Amino acid sequence: MTESLNVPLWPLTLYIAAVLLMAAAIVILSFFMGERHSERTTGEPYESGIAPTGSARIRFDIKFYLSAMFFVLFDLEAVFLFAWAIAARPLGWFGYLEVAIFIGVLMLALFYLFRVGALDWRTSGQRKPGIGKYGK
């Protein structure tokens, strides 16, 4: 047996209309009250009073992006472990087994990354002969 919920929708409709009206008012006011100038240095980057030298579009080595991704992944892992630590007692041995499997999978992933050379920051000239990119 299903009961129909008789919930009034006018507060939600009023809220959406107020949000849209406020957003439109902010955009329109910023258009009329905003500054308009086009000087020679308007499009140039400016950081803390230091004059720019060179282009801002330089390429970084992929290792920097990889280390950032590793940080985010293992930081997220710490969040999961913290949540488990909060609820460790009620979860009991089953929760302990689950977190042990989770840590094991993370250790396997870390070992794999180490093995394929993803954590190796040395250049090819700094590596020992006979040891390639894939840890042979």
Protein backbone atom coordinates (compact mmCIF):
# COMPACT_ATOMS: atom_id res chain seq x y z
CA MET A 1 0.00 0.00 0.00
CA THR A 2 1.51 3.32 -1.04
CA GLU A 3 0.69 6.59 0.55
CA SER A 4 1.09 9.78 -1.39
CA LEU A 5 3.11 12.36 0.43
CA ASN A 6 1.25 15.62 0.55
CA VAL A 7 4.23 17.96 0.83
CA PRO A 8 3.82 21.57 -0.29
CA LEU A 9 6.34 22.52 -2.98
CA TRP A 10 5.86 26.29 -2.83
CA PRO A 11 8.77 26.85 -0.36
CA LEU A 12 11.18 25.06 -2.69
CA THR A 13 9.86 26.99 -5.69
CA LEU A 14 10.19 30.25 -3.79
CA TYR A 15 13.75 29.39 -2.75
CA ILE A 16 14.80 28.54 -6.32
CA ALA A 17 13.24 31.75 -7.63
CA ALA A 18 15.02 33.81 -4.94
CA VAL A 19 18.38 32.20 -5.75
CA LEU A 20 17.97 32.79 -9.48
CA LEU A 21 16.86 36.38 -8.88
CA MET A 22 19.83 37.06 -6.60
CA ALA A 23 22.30 35.49 -9.06
CA ALA A 24 20.89 37.56 -11.92
CA ALA A 25 21.04 40.72 -9.80
CA ILE A 26 24.70 40.10 -8.92
CA VAL A 27 25.65 39.54 -12.56
CA ILE A 28 23.77 42.62 -13.76
CA LEU A 29 25.14 44.85 -10.99
CA SER A 30 28.70 43.70 -11.63
CA PHE A 31 28.26 44.50 -15.32
CA PHE A 32 27.15 48.07 -14.62
CA MET A 33 29.37 48.79 -11.62
CA GLY A 34 32.52 46.96 -12.72
CA GLU A 35 35.68 48.72 -13.86
CA ARG A 36 36.51 48.92 -17.53
CA HIS A 37 40.04 49.78 -18.48
CA SER A 38 42.47 48.54 -21.05
CA GLU A 39 45.97 49.69 -20.32
CA ARG A 40 49.14 48.24 -21.72
CA THR A 41 49.80 46.04 -18.68
CA THR A 42 46.22 44.84 -18.06
CA GLY A 43 46.76 41.35 -19.46
CA GLU A 44 50.20 40.76 -17.92
CA PRO A 45 50.63 38.54 -14.87
CA TYR A 46 51.64 40.28 -11.64
CA GLU A 47 52.74 38.43 -8.53
CA SER A 48 53.68 40.23 -5.32
CA GLY A 49 55.42 43.15 -6.99
CA ILE A 50 57.84 40.98 -8.94
CA ALA A 51 58.07 41.72 -12.64
CA PRO A 52 57.38 38.61 -14.74
CA THR A 53 60.32 37.00 -16.52
CA GLY A 54 59.44 34.72 -19.38
CA SER A 55 56.22 32.94 -20.15
CA ALA A 56 53.82 31.60 -17.55
CA ARG A 57 53.19 28.60 -19.79
CA ILE A 58 56.17 26.46 -18.90
CA ARG A 59 56.00 22.68 -18.90
CA PHE A 60 56.66 20.78 -15.73
CA ASP A 61 57.98 17.27 -15.60
CA ILE A 62 55.34 14.56 -15.24
CA LYS A 63 56.96 13.49 -11.97
CA PHE A 64 55.47 16.52 -10.21
CA TYR A 65 51.96 15.54 -11.30
CA LEU A 66 52.55 11.92 -10.32
CA SER A 67 53.71 12.90 -6.86
CA ALA A 68 50.62 15.11 -6.47
CA MET A 69 48.35 12.22 -7.48
CA PHE A 70 50.14 9.84 -5.10
CA PHE A 71 49.71 12.38 -2.31
CA VAL A 72 45.99 12.72 -2.96
CA LEU A 73 45.48 8.95 -3.15
CA PHE A 74 47.37 8.16 0.02
CA ASP A 75 45.88 11.14 1.82
CA LEU A 76 42.43 9.82 0.98
CA GLU A 77 43.55 6.46 2.34
CA ALA A 78 44.35 8.18 5.64
CA VAL A 79 40.80 9.56 5.74
CA PHE A 80 39.38 6.04 5.35
CA LEU A 81 41.68 4.70 8.06
CA PHE A 82 40.67 7.53 10.39
CA ALA A 83 37.00 6.72 9.83
CA TRP A 84 37.72 3.06 10.57
CA ALA A 85 39.63 4.00 13.74
CA ILE A 86 36.61 5.94 14.99
CA ALA A 87 34.32 2.94 14.49
CA ALA A 88 36.82 0.16 15.23
CA ARG A 89 35.15 -1.18 18.38
CA PRO A 90 31.63 -1.59 16.98
CA LEU A 91 32.99 -3.14 13.77
CA GLY A 92 34.90 -5.81 15.67
CA TRP A 93 37.05 -8.43 13.98
CA PHE A 94 35.20 -8.18 10.69
CA GLY A 95 36.10 -4.49 10.45
CA TYR A 96 39.69 -5.31 11.38
CA LEU A 97 39.87 -7.91 8.61
CA GLU A 98 38.43 -5.45 6.11
CA VAL A 99 40.93 -2.72 7.00
CA ALA A 100 43.78 -5.25 6.88
CA ILE A 101 42.73 -6.19 3.32
CA PHE A 102 42.48 -2.48 2.45
CA ILE A 103 45.99 -1.79 3.74
CA GLY A 104 47.27 -4.90 1.97
CA VAL A 105 45.89 -3.73 -1.36
CA LEU A 106 47.47 -0.31 -0.79
CA MET A 107 50.82 -1.94 0.00
CA LEU A 108 50.59 -4.01 -3.18
CA ALA A 109 49.84 -0.85 -5.17
CA LEU A 110 52.78 0.94 -3.57
CA PHE A 111 55.07 -2.02 -4.30
CA TYR A 112 53.84 -2.05 -7.92
CA LEU A 113 54.52 1.68 -8.30
CA PHE A 114 57.99 1.19 -6.87
CA ARG A 115 58.64 -1.78 -9.13
CA VAL A 116 57.66 -0.02 -12.37
CA GLY A 117 59.79 3.00 -11.46
CA ALA A 118 56.98 5.49 -10.92
CA LEU A 119 58.61 6.60 -7.66
CA ASP A 120 62.11 6.91 -9.17
CA TRP A 121 63.05 10.58 -9.59
CA ARG A 122 66.53 9.98 -10.91
CA THR A 123 67.37 10.82 -14.49
CA SER A 124 68.46 8.09 -16.85
CA GLY A 125 72.10 9.20 -16.43
CA GLN A 126 71.90 8.77 -12.64
CA ARG A 127 70.59 5.19 -12.76
CA LYS A 128 72.96 2.29 -12.41
CA PRO A 129 73.73 0.40 -15.60
CA GLY A 130 71.57 -2.67 -16.02
CA ILE A 131 68.67 -1.27 -14.00
CA GLY A 132 66.11 0.13 -16.39
CA LYS A 133 62.91 2.03 -15.93
CA TYR A 134 61.01 -1.12 -14.94
CA GLY A 135 63.38 -2.23 -12.20
CA LYS A 136 65.03 -5.10 -14.12
